[in-house]
Amino acid sequence: MLVSPKDLLVNTKNSITIDIMNFLSIDCSTDTSSLFIKVKNKTFIKILQSDKLNNDVLMKKILDFFVENNLKIDDINEVFVNQGPGNFSGLRGSLAVAKGISLAKNINLFGYNTFTWLCSSYFGKQDFIYALIKFREKYYIQKFSKTLRRISKIQLIMKDSILQKYKDKFLVFPKSIKKECDKKILQLNNINIVNLNHNELEFLKLKGLLDKDLIKPLYLS
């Protein structure tokens, strides 16, 4: 049975009742891109190869994705887009497409980044959370509070420092790039391999942890 947009959803993280969100999420931050749609409490996901995407191709893929699932862009009222870190062309292209959809359909646009996304499932569960990412053969880390407020800026970190200084910290690392992570880091007892879940974006928006006013790519040197 389809759920009306006017129906309510109980958020299990904190028992707050909220309106169901119908949204498209675009993530082109890595070589493996993903599209995600949530409409009337049903979810759909599609995996793409971002190194073969330009703006025109990406928009066609999005339109085809809606058609494949008997949906229309008019069925959504929000667009979420990953700001990075990630590939230069993938981020710029996906942000341009997301902004285009937002303007053309007059729907809300929100940006998110992989660091905060990594921590989303641990909201309220740890006093401090350290999001760890490997990008272009370098490791980067950012510290968050239990309410996912940024405590530190994104910092470049060497492998030895991770093994020595962060061996007792609560680390999270994305499963999607697990194969790129050093085996010694993966063997740490305190590291948590996270499967990035687009459904978590709904919770991040509820908590005011998505960007709305200044949505731009997050680049790392």
Protein backbone atom coordinates (compact mmCIF):
# COMPACT_ATOMS: atom_id res chain seq x y z
CA MET A 1 0.00 0.00 0.00
CA LEU A 2 1.35 3.41 -0.98
CA VAL A 3 1.87 5.96 1.77
CA SER A 4 0.46 9.41 1.27
CA PRO A 5 2.95 12.30 1.55
CA LYS A 6 0.71 13.63 4.30
CA ASP A 7 1.29 10.53 6.39
CA LEU A 8 3.84 10.67 9.16
CA LEU A 9 7.06 8.80 9.79
CA VAL A 10 8.51 8.03 13.22
CA ASN A 11 12.28 8.49 13.27
CA THR A 12 13.72 5.62 15.32
CA LYS A 13 16.87 7.53 16.30
CA ASN A 14 15.03 9.92 18.57
CA SER A 15 11.31 9.15 18.22
CA ILE A 16 10.64 12.49 16.50
CA THR A 17 7.67 12.36 14.14
CA ILE A 18 8.36 14.10 10.80
CA ASP A 19 6.77 14.46 7.38
CA ILE A 20 7.97 11.89 4.86
CA MET A 21 10.48 13.39 2.45
CA ASN A 22 10.41 12.57 -1.27
CA PHE A 23 13.87 13.19 -2.68
CA LEU A 24 16.56 12.43 -5.24
CA SER A 25 20.14 12.00 -4.04
CA ILE A 26 23.08 12.29 -6.46
CA ASP A 27 26.53 11.05 -5.44
CA CYS A 28 29.28 11.42 -8.07
CA SER A 29 32.15 11.85 -5.62
CA THR A 30 33.97 8.64 -6.64
CA ASP A 31 34.49 6.56 -9.78
CA THR A 32 31.38 4.62 -8.80
CA SER A 33 28.44 7.02 -8.69
CA SER A 34 24.99 6.39 -7.32
CA LEU A 35 21.49 7.76 -7.77
CA PHE A 36 18.90 7.27 -5.08
CA ILE A 37 15.20 8.09 -5.04
CA LYS A 38 12.83 7.97 -2.11
CA VAL A 39 9.15 8.48 -2.97
CA LYS A 40 6.19 7.60 -0.77
CA ASN A 41 8.42 5.60 1.55
CA LYS A 42 9.73 3.46 -1.32
CA THR A 43 13.41 3.59 -2.25
CA PHE A 44 15.28 2.98 -5.50
CA ILE A 45 19.02 2.99 -6.19
CA LYS A 46 21.12 2.91 -9.36
CA ILE A 47 24.92 2.56 -9.66
CA LEU A 48 26.76 4.46 -12.40
CA GLN A 49 30.35 4.83 -13.58
CA SER A 50 31.09 8.53 -13.01
CA ASP A 51 34.26 8.60 -15.13
CA LYS A 52 32.03 8.20 -18.18
CA LEU A 53 29.52 10.88 -17.21
CA ASN A 54 29.23 14.43 -18.42
CA ASN A 55 26.36 16.74 -17.54
CA ASP A 56 24.17 15.69 -20.46
CA VAL A 57 24.74 11.98 -19.85
CA LEU A 58 24.12 12.33 -16.11
CA MET A 59 20.83 14.15 -16.67
CA LYS A 60 19.72 11.46 -19.13
CA LYS A 61 20.65 8.75 -16.63
CA ILE A 62 18.56 10.49 -13.98
CA LEU A 63 15.55 10.82 -16.28
CA ASP A 64 15.89 7.17 -17.34
CA PHE A 65 16.10 6.17 -13.68
CA PHE A 66 12.77 7.81 -12.95
CA VAL A 67 11.14 6.19 -16.00
CA GLU A 68 12.51 2.73 -15.12
CA ASN A 69 10.73 2.94 -11.78
CA ASN A 70 7.49 4.47 -13.10
CA LEU A 71 8.24 7.78 -11.43
CA LYS A 72 8.40 11.44 -12.47
CA ILE A 73 10.65 14.23 -11.27
CA ASP A 74 7.46 15.93 -10.10
CA ASP A 75 7.20 13.14 -7.51
CA ILE A 76 10.12 14.60 -5.52
CA ASN A 77 10.26 17.82 -3.56
CA GLU A 78 13.98 17.88 -2.69
CA VAL A 79 17.35 17.15 -4.27
CA PHE A 80 20.40 16.12 -2.23
CA VAL A 81 23.88 16.19 -3.81
CA ASN A 82 27.25 15.02 -2.50
CA GLN A 83 29.69 17.93 -2.34
CA GLY A 84 32.72 15.68 -1.88
CA PRO A 85 35.50 15.19 -1.39
CA GLY A 86 35.86 13.55 -4.76
CA ASN A 87 36.67 13.80 -8.43
CA PHE A 88 36.76 17.35 -9.80
CA SER A 89 34.65 16.69 -12.89
CA GLY A 90 32.21 14.41 -11.09
CA LEU A 91 31.51 16.94 -8.33
CA ARG A 92 31.15 19.94 -10.63
CA GLY A 93 28.93 18.05 -13.04
CA SER A 94 26.63 16.59 -10.40
CA LEU A 95 26.27 19.93 -8.60
CA ALA A 96 25.40 21.64 -11.89
CA VAL A 97 22.76 19.02 -12.69
CA ALA A 98 21.32 19.12 -9.16
CA LYS A 99 21.08 22.92 -9.26
CA GLY A 100 19.47 22.72 -12.69
CA ILE A 101 16.77 20.34 -11.44
CA SER A 102 16.19 22.52 -8.38
CA LEU A 103 15.74 25.67 -10.46
CA ALA A 104 13.68 24.05 -13.22
CA LYS A 105 11.27 22.35 -10.83
CA ASN A 106 11.42 24.94 -8.03
CA ILE A 107 12.34 22.35 -5.41
CA ASN A 108 14.72 22.50 -2.47
CA LEU A 109 18.41 21.69 -2.96
CA PHE A 110 20.65 20.45 -0.14
CA GLY A 111 24.33 19.54 -0.12
CA TYR A 112 26.09 16.94 2.00
CA ASN A 113 29.68 15.75 2.33
CA THR A 114 31.10 12.29 2.87
CA PHE A 115 32.67 13.11 6.25
CA THR A 116 29.35 13.96 7.90
CA TRP A 117 27.54 11.22 5.96
CA LEU A 118 29.98 8.66 7.38
CA CYS A 119 29.09 9.62 10.95
CA SER A 120 25.32 9.83 10.53
CA SER A 121 24.45 6.38 11.91
CA TYR A 122 26.41 7.09 15.11
CA PHE A 123 24.53 10.23 16.09
CA GLY A 124 24.29 10.37 19.88
CA LYS A 125 26.17 7.09 20.32
CA GLN A 126 29.76 8.29 20.76
CA ASP A 127 31.14 11.39 22.47
CA PHE A 128 33.60 11.91 19.64
CA ILE A 129 33.64 10.46 16.15
CA TYR A 130 36.55 10.61 13.71
CA ALA A 131 35.65 10.34 10.03
CA LEU A 132 38.55 8.94 8.01
CA ILE A 133 38.72 9.07 4.21
CA LYS A 134 41.36 8.10 1.67
CA PHE A 135 41.49 10.32 -1.39
CA ARG A 136 44.19 10.27 -4.08
CA GLU A 137 46.50 8.08 -1.99
CA LYS A 138 46.23 10.41 1.02
CA TYR A 139 44.28 10.04 4.26
CA TYR A 140 42.13 12.83 5.68
CA ILE A 141 40.40 12.98 9.04
CA GLN A 142 37.77 15.16 10.71
CA LYS A 143 36.51 15.13 14.30
CA PHE A 144 32.82 15.38 15.20
CA SER A 145 30.85 15.68 18.42
CA LYS A 146 28.11 13.21 19.36
CA THR A 147 25.60 15.54 17.66
CA LEU A 148 27.74 15.55 14.50
CA ARG A 149 28.95 19.10 14.88
CA ARG A 150 32.38 19.64 13.36
CA ILE A 151 35.01 20.01 16.08
CA SER A 152 38.04 20.19 13.78
CA LYS A 153 38.82 21.15 10.22
CA ILE A 154 39.62 18.45 7.68
CA GLN A 155 43.24 17.47 8.25
CA LEU A 156 45.75 15.55 6.17
CA ILE A 157 47.10 12.62 8.21
CA MET A 158 49.85 10.08 7.64
CA LYS A 159 49.26 6.36 7.98
CA ASP A 160 51.67 6.05 10.93
CA SER A 161 49.82 8.79 12.81
CA ILE A 162 46.53 6.94 12.34
CA LEU A 163 48.07 3.76 13.73
CA GLN A 164 49.72 5.49 16.68
CA LYS A 165 47.61 8.51 17.66
CA TYR A 166 44.14 7.27 16.72
CA LYS A 167 44.28 3.61 17.72
CA ASP A 168 41.98 4.28 20.67
CA LYS A 169 39.62 6.73 18.93
CA PHE A 170 36.27 5.87 17.39
CA LEU A 171 37.10 5.82 13.66
CA VAL A 172 34.67 5.43 10.76
CA PHE A 173 35.74 4.62 7.21
CA PRO A 174 33.63 4.12 4.04
CA LYS A 175 33.09 0.56 2.87
CA SER A 176 33.01 1.74 -0.75
CA ILE A 177 36.77 2.41 -0.69
CA LYS A 178 37.74 -0.30 1.79
CA LYS A 179 39.99 -1.95 -0.81
CA GLU A 180 42.05 1.25 -1.00
CA CYS A 181 42.71 1.36 2.75
CA ASP A 182 45.95 0.04 4.24
CA LYS A 183 45.46 -3.41 5.80
CA LYS A 184 47.07 -2.35 9.07
CA ILE A 185 44.48 0.41 9.47
CA LEU A 186 41.66 -2.02 8.71
CA GLN A 187 42.97 -4.31 11.46
CA LEU A 188 42.54 -1.64 14.14
CA ASN A 189 39.99 -2.74 16.74
CA ASN A 190 38.47 0.74 16.88
CA ILE A 191 37.79 1.22 13.16
CA ASN A 192 34.21 0.91 11.92
CA ILE A 193 33.60 0.21 8.23
CA VAL A 194 30.45 2.09 7.21
CA ASN A 195 28.14 1.39 4.30
CA LEU A 196 27.04 4.86 3.18
CA ASN A 197 23.24 4.88 3.17
CA HIS A 198 21.27 7.56 1.29
CA ASN A 199 18.39 7.05 3.73
CA GLU A 200 20.54 8.71 6.40
CA LEU A 201 20.36 12.00 4.49
CA GLU A 202 16.78 12.43 5.66
CA PHE A 203 17.96 12.35 9.26
CA LEU A 204 20.84 14.75 8.54
CA LYS A 205 18.39 17.22 7.04
CA LEU A 206 16.10 16.93 10.06
CA LYS A 207 19.06 17.78 12.31
CA GLY A 208 20.09 20.78 10.20
CA LEU A 209 23.33 19.13 9.11
CA LEU A 210 22.96 19.64 5.36
CA ASP A 211 24.11 22.71 3.43
CA LYS A 212 21.44 24.83 1.80
CA ASP A 213 22.63 28.38 1.20
CA LEU A 214 26.16 27.84 -0.14
CA ILE A 215 26.43 24.53 -1.94
CA LYS A 216 29.84 24.12 -3.53
CA PRO A 217 32.29 21.26 -4.18
CA LEU A 218 34.61 20.15 -1.40
CA TYR A 219 38.08 19.75 -2.88
CA LEU A 220 41.13 18.37 -1.09
CA SER A 221 44.70 19.11 -2.20
